Amino acid sequence: VWISSNCNSDLITKEAGKNELAENGFVTNKDLGVPFIDGRLLKFDGKVYQSMIDEIEGYNMIDGERIPNWFGLFEVMVQGRLMYGRLSSSNIKGEGKHEIALI
């Protein structure tokens, strides 16, 4: 819920077919939809292979813009369970230390 602001307090947005939302209006968390991440970070050590380095250091061209791959979805097997997240940090040297924000 919005409490106060020192900027953009007069911002009003409107999505097609929906009501206007004001920056200083009240919006409950449930109205925001499904969260992008679930708030948990998974830290793990993992062997780094060249194919993984190529993916992390690579990029994709989207609408003519070079977008680094580190914004992509990652998956990791934890005790037989496949987990998904967005890369938060990764040390690709040696054994590799990684952190993903679970989704």
N, C-alpha and C. Protein backbone atom coordinates (compact mmCIF):
# COMPACT_ATOMS: atom_id res chain seq x y z
N VAL A 1 0.85 -1.18 0.00
CA VAL A 1 0.00 0.00 0.00
C VAL A 1 0.89 1.23 0.00
N TRP A 2 0.56 2.18 -0.84
CA TRP A 2 1.31 3.43 -0.94
C TRP A 2 1.15 4.21 0.36
N ILE A 3 2.25 4.71 0.90
CA ILE A 3 2.21 5.49 2.14
C ILE A 3 2.59 6.94 1.87
N SER A 4 3.72 7.15 1.22
CA SER A 4 4.13 8.51 0.92
C SER A 4 5.12 8.49 -0.23
N SER A 5 5.38 9.68 -0.78
CA SER A 5 6.29 9.78 -1.90
C SER A 5 6.88 11.18 -1.95
N ASN A 6 8.10 11.27 -2.48
CA ASN A 6 8.69 12.59 -2.70
C ASN A 6 8.85 12.87 -4.20
N CYS A 7 8.31 11.96 -5.03
CA CYS A 7 8.35 12.18 -6.47
C CYS A 7 7.28 11.33 -7.14
N ASN A 8 6.88 11.70 -8.32
CA ASN A 8 5.85 11.01 -9.09
C ASN A 8 4.52 10.87 -8.35
N SER A 9 4.24 11.73 -7.38
CA SER A 9 3.01 11.58 -6.60
C SER A 9 1.76 11.93 -7.41
N ASP A 10 1.92 12.54 -8.57
CA ASP A 10 0.77 12.86 -9.41
C ASP A 10 0.65 11.92 -10.61
N LEU A 11 1.45 10.88 -10.67
CA LEU A 11 1.44 9.94 -11.79
C LEU A 11 0.14 9.16 -11.82
N ILE A 12 -0.49 9.09 -12.98
CA ILE A 12 -1.71 8.30 -13.16
C ILE A 12 -1.51 7.45 -14.40
N THR A 13 -1.79 6.17 -14.29
CA THR A 13 -1.65 5.25 -15.41
C THR A 13 -3.01 4.64 -15.72
N LYS A 14 -3.19 4.22 -16.95
CA LYS A 14 -4.43 3.56 -17.32
C LYS A 14 -4.10 2.49 -18.34
N GLU A 15 -4.51 1.25 -18.03
CA GLU A 15 -4.33 0.14 -18.94
C GLU A 15 -5.62 0.00 -19.74
N ALA A 16 -5.50 -0.34 -21.02
CA ALA A 16 -6.67 -0.44 -21.89
C ALA A 16 -7.75 -1.32 -21.24
N GLY A 17 -8.95 -0.80 -21.16
CA GLY A 17 -10.07 -1.56 -20.64
C GLY A 17 -10.10 -1.68 -19.13
N LYS A 18 -9.21 -0.99 -18.44
CA LYS A 18 -9.15 -1.08 -16.98
C LYS A 18 -9.22 0.30 -16.37
N ASN A 19 -9.41 0.35 -15.07
CA ASN A 19 -9.48 1.62 -14.35
C ASN A 19 -8.11 2.27 -14.25
N GLU A 20 -8.14 3.57 -14.00
CA GLU A 20 -6.90 4.30 -13.78
C GLU A 20 -6.31 3.92 -12.43
N LEU A 21 -4.98 3.97 -12.35
CA LEU A 21 -4.27 3.77 -11.09
C LEU A 21 -3.42 5.01 -10.84
N ALA A 22 -3.62 5.62 -9.69
CA ALA A 22 -2.84 6.80 -9.33
C ALA A 22 -1.70 6.40 -8.42
N GLU A 23 -0.57 7.09 -8.57
CA GLU A 23 0.60 6.80 -7.73
C GLU A 23 0.26 6.93 -6.25
N ASN A 24 -0.61 7.84 -5.91
CA ASN A 24 -0.96 8.02 -4.50
C ASN A 24 -2.26 7.30 -4.14
N GLY A 25 -2.69 6.39 -5.03
CA GLY A 25 -3.89 5.59 -4.74
C GLY A 25 -3.52 4.35 -3.95
N PHE A 26 -4.52 3.63 -3.51
CA PHE A 26 -4.29 2.42 -2.74
C PHE A 26 -4.41 1.20 -3.65
N VAL A 27 -3.36 0.41 -3.68
CA VAL A 27 -3.33 -0.83 -4.45
C VAL A 27 -2.89 -1.92 -3.49
N THR A 28 -3.69 -2.95 -3.33
CA THR A 28 -3.30 -4.05 -2.45
C THR A 28 -2.42 -5.03 -3.21
N ASN A 29 -1.61 -5.77 -2.48
CA ASN A 29 -0.70 -6.73 -3.10
C ASN A 29 -1.43 -7.72 -4.00
N LYS A 30 -2.60 -8.17 -3.58
CA LYS A 30 -3.33 -9.18 -4.38
C LYS A 30 -3.73 -8.63 -5.75
N ASP A 31 -3.88 -7.30 -5.86
CA ASP A 31 -4.24 -6.70 -7.13
C ASP A 31 -3.08 -6.62 -8.11
N LEU A 32 -1.87 -6.87 -7.64
CA LEU A 32 -0.68 -6.77 -8.49
C LEU A 32 -0.42 -8.02 -9.32
N GLY A 33 -1.14 -9.10 -9.05
CA GLY A 33 -0.96 -10.32 -9.82
C GLY A 33 0.12 -11.21 -9.24
N VAL A 34 0.55 -12.17 -10.05
CA VAL A 34 1.53 -13.15 -9.61
C VAL A 34 2.90 -12.49 -9.49
N PRO A 35 3.59 -12.68 -8.35
CA PRO A 35 4.92 -12.08 -8.18
C PRO A 35 5.91 -12.62 -9.20
N PHE A 36 6.85 -11.78 -9.58
CA PHE A 36 7.89 -12.18 -10.53
C PHE A 36 8.85 -13.19 -9.89
N ILE A 37 9.18 -12.97 -8.61
CA ILE A 37 10.00 -13.92 -7.84
C ILE A 37 9.27 -14.19 -6.54
N ASP A 38 9.64 -15.28 -5.86
CA ASP A 38 8.94 -15.62 -4.62
C ASP A 38 9.63 -15.10 -3.37
N GLY A 39 10.72 -14.34 -3.51
CA GLY A 39 11.36 -13.72 -2.36
C GLY A 39 12.48 -14.54 -1.74
N ARG A 40 12.71 -15.74 -2.23
CA ARG A 40 13.78 -16.58 -1.68
C ARG A 40 14.97 -16.59 -2.63
N LEU A 41 16.17 -16.60 -2.04
CA LEU A 41 17.40 -16.74 -2.82
C LEU A 41 17.97 -18.13 -2.58
N LEU A 42 18.39 -18.79 -3.63
CA LEU A 42 19.02 -20.09 -3.53
C LEU A 42 20.49 -19.91 -3.85
N LYS A 43 21.35 -20.21 -2.87
CA LYS A 43 22.80 -20.12 -3.06
C LYS A 43 23.34 -21.54 -3.14
N PHE A 44 24.22 -21.77 -4.10
CA PHE A 44 24.75 -23.12 -4.27
C PHE A 44 26.09 -23.08 -4.98
N ASP A 45 26.86 -24.12 -4.76
CA ASP A 45 28.12 -24.33 -5.48
C ASP A 45 27.81 -25.30 -6.61
N GLY A 46 28.42 -25.09 -7.72
CA GLY A 46 28.20 -25.99 -8.84
C GLY A 46 29.31 -25.90 -9.84
N LYS A 47 29.71 -27.04 -10.34
CA LYS A 47 30.76 -27.09 -11.36
C LYS A 47 30.33 -26.27 -12.57
N VAL A 48 31.28 -25.56 -13.12
CA VAL A 48 31.01 -24.70 -14.26
C VAL A 48 31.59 -25.33 -15.52
N TYR A 49 30.74 -25.52 -16.50
CA TYR A 49 31.15 -26.07 -17.78
C TYR A 49 31.24 -24.95 -18.81
N GLN A 50 32.01 -25.14 -19.86
CA GLN A 50 32.17 -24.11 -20.88
C GLN A 50 30.82 -23.72 -21.49
N SER A 51 29.94 -24.69 -21.69
CA SER A 51 28.62 -24.36 -22.26
C SER A 51 27.84 -23.42 -21.34
N MET A 52 28.02 -23.58 -20.02
CA MET A 52 27.35 -22.69 -19.06
C MET A 52 27.95 -21.29 -19.14
N ILE A 53 29.27 -21.19 -19.23
CA ILE A 53 29.93 -19.89 -19.36
C ILE A 53 29.45 -19.19 -20.63
N ASP A 54 29.35 -19.94 -21.72
CA ASP A 54 28.88 -19.35 -22.98
C ASP A 54 27.47 -18.79 -22.84
N GLU A 55 26.61 -19.50 -22.11
CA GLU A 55 25.23 -19.02 -21.91
C GLU A 55 25.21 -17.77 -21.03
N ILE A 56 25.93 -17.79 -19.91
CA ILE A 56 25.92 -16.66 -18.98
C ILE A 56 26.53 -15.42 -19.61
N GLU A 57 27.63 -15.58 -20.33
CA GLU A 57 28.31 -14.43 -20.93
C GLU A 57 27.75 -14.06 -22.29
N GLY A 58 26.81 -14.85 -22.80
CA GLY A 58 26.24 -14.60 -24.12
C GLY A 58 25.16 -13.53 -24.10
N TYR A 59 24.52 -13.36 -25.23
CA TYR A 59 23.46 -12.35 -25.36
C TYR A 59 22.50 -12.78 -26.46
N ASN A 60 21.37 -12.14 -26.52
CA ASN A 60 20.40 -12.30 -27.59
C ASN A 60 20.10 -10.92 -28.15
N MET A 61 19.81 -10.85 -29.43
CA MET A 61 19.40 -9.60 -30.05
C MET A 61 17.87 -9.56 -30.04
N ILE A 62 17.32 -8.55 -29.36
CA ILE A 62 15.87 -8.38 -29.28
C ILE A 62 15.55 -6.97 -29.75
N ASP A 63 14.77 -6.88 -30.82
CA ASP A 63 14.43 -5.59 -31.42
C ASP A 63 15.66 -4.74 -31.67
N GLY A 64 16.73 -5.36 -32.15
CA GLY A 64 17.95 -4.65 -32.47
C GLY A 64 18.81 -4.27 -31.28
N GLU A 65 18.40 -4.70 -30.09
CA GLU A 65 19.15 -4.37 -28.88
C GLU A 65 19.83 -5.63 -28.34
N ARG A 66 21.08 -5.50 -27.95
CA ARG A 66 21.86 -6.62 -27.41
C ARG A 66 21.49 -6.80 -25.93
N ILE A 67 20.81 -7.89 -25.59
CA ILE A 67 20.34 -8.16 -24.23
C ILE A 67 21.17 -9.30 -23.64
N PRO A 68 21.88 -9.04 -22.53
CA PRO A 68 22.68 -10.10 -21.90
C PRO A 68 21.80 -11.24 -21.42
N ASN A 69 22.33 -12.45 -21.49
CA ASN A 69 21.58 -13.64 -21.07
C ASN A 69 21.35 -13.71 -19.57
N TRP A 70 22.09 -12.96 -18.75
CA TRP A 70 21.94 -13.16 -17.32
C TRP A 70 20.57 -12.74 -16.81
N PHE A 71 19.73 -12.18 -17.64
CA PHE A 71 18.37 -11.87 -17.24
C PHE A 71 17.44 -13.07 -17.47
N GLY A 72 17.98 -14.14 -17.98
CA GLY A 72 17.16 -15.29 -18.34
C GLY A 72 16.80 -16.21 -17.19
N LEU A 73 16.04 -17.21 -17.52
CA LEU A 73 15.59 -18.21 -16.56
C LEU A 73 16.65 -19.29 -16.41
N PHE A 74 16.94 -19.66 -15.17
CA PHE A 74 17.90 -20.73 -14.89
C PHE A 74 17.20 -21.84 -14.15
N GLU A 75 17.69 -23.04 -14.32
CA GLU A 75 17.15 -24.18 -13.59
C GLU A 75 18.29 -24.93 -12.94
N VAL A 76 18.02 -25.46 -11.75
CA VAL A 76 19.03 -26.20 -11.02
C VAL A 76 18.35 -27.36 -10.30
N MET A 77 19.01 -28.50 -10.24
CA MET A 77 18.48 -29.67 -9.56
C MET A 77 18.96 -29.64 -8.11
N VAL A 78 18.02 -29.62 -7.15
CA VAL A 78 18.34 -29.60 -5.73
C VAL A 78 17.68 -30.81 -5.08
N GLN A 79 18.49 -31.76 -4.63
CA GLN A 79 18.01 -32.98 -4.00
C GLN A 79 16.90 -33.64 -4.81
N GLY A 80 17.13 -33.77 -6.11
CA GLY A 80 16.19 -34.44 -6.99
C GLY A 80 15.01 -33.58 -7.43
N ARG A 81 14.97 -32.32 -7.03
CA ARG A 81 13.86 -31.43 -7.39
C ARG A 81 14.38 -30.32 -8.28
N LEU A 82 13.74 -30.12 -9.42
CA LEU A 82 14.13 -29.07 -10.36
C LEU A 82 13.55 -27.75 -9.89
N MET A 83 14.43 -26.74 -9.71
CA MET A 83 14.01 -25.42 -9.24
C MET A 83 14.39 -24.39 -10.29
N TYR A 84 13.57 -23.33 -10.39
CA TYR A 84 13.76 -22.30 -11.40
C TYR A 84 13.97 -20.95 -10.73
N GLY A 85 14.77 -20.10 -11.38
CA GLY A 85 14.98 -18.77 -10.84
C GLY A 85 15.68 -17.87 -11.83
N ARG A 86 15.81 -16.61 -11.44
CA ARG A 86 16.54 -15.61 -12.22
C ARG A 86 17.91 -15.44 -11.59
N LEU A 87 18.94 -15.41 -12.40
CA LEU A 87 20.30 -15.32 -11.90
C LEU A 87 20.52 -14.02 -11.14
N SER A 88 20.97 -14.15 -9.91
CA SER A 88 21.26 -12.99 -9.07
C SER A 88 22.76 -12.71 -9.09
N SER A 89 23.58 -13.76 -8.93
CA SER A 89 25.03 -13.63 -9.05
C SER A 89 25.63 -14.98 -9.40
N SER A 90 26.79 -14.92 -10.02
CA SER A 90 27.47 -16.16 -10.40
C SER A 90 28.97 -15.90 -10.50
N ASN A 91 29.74 -16.76 -9.84
CA ASN A 91 31.19 -16.73 -9.96
C ASN A 91 31.55 -17.95 -10.79
N ILE A 92 31.94 -17.73 -12.02
CA ILE A 92 32.18 -18.84 -12.93
C ILE A 92 33.61 -19.36 -12.88
N LYS A 93 34.38 -18.88 -11.94
CA LYS A 93 35.76 -19.35 -11.77
C LYS A 93 35.79 -20.56 -10.83
N GLY A 94 36.65 -21.51 -11.09
CA GLY A 94 36.82 -22.66 -10.22
C GLY A 94 35.57 -23.51 -10.10
N GLU A 95 35.18 -23.84 -8.87
CA GLU A 95 34.02 -24.68 -8.64
C GLU A 95 32.71 -23.95 -8.89
N GLY A 96 32.72 -22.65 -8.83
CA GLY A 96 31.53 -21.88 -9.14
C GLY A 96 30.61 -21.70 -7.95
N LYS A 97 30.30 -20.46 -7.62
CA LYS A 97 29.33 -20.13 -6.57
C LYS A 97 28.24 -19.30 -7.25
N HIS A 98 27.00 -19.72 -7.05
CA HIS A 98 25.89 -19.11 -7.77
C HIS A 98 24.77 -18.74 -6.81
N GLU A 99 23.93 -17.80 -7.25
CA GLU A 99 22.76 -17.40 -6.48
C GLU A 99 21.65 -17.06 -7.45
N ILE A 100 20.49 -17.66 -7.23
CA ILE A 100 19.33 -17.35 -8.08
C ILE A 100 18.16 -16.94 -7.19
N ALA A 101 17.35 -16.02 -7.70
CA ALA A 101 16.12 -15.61 -7.05
C ALA A 101 15.04 -16.56 -7.56
N LEU A 102 14.51 -17.37 -6.66
CA LEU A 102 13.54 -18.39 -7.07
C LEU A 102 12.25 -17.77 -7.58
N ILE A 103 11.68 -18.43 -8.59
CA ILE A 103 10.39 -17.97 -9.12
C ILE A 103 9.37 -19.08 -8.96
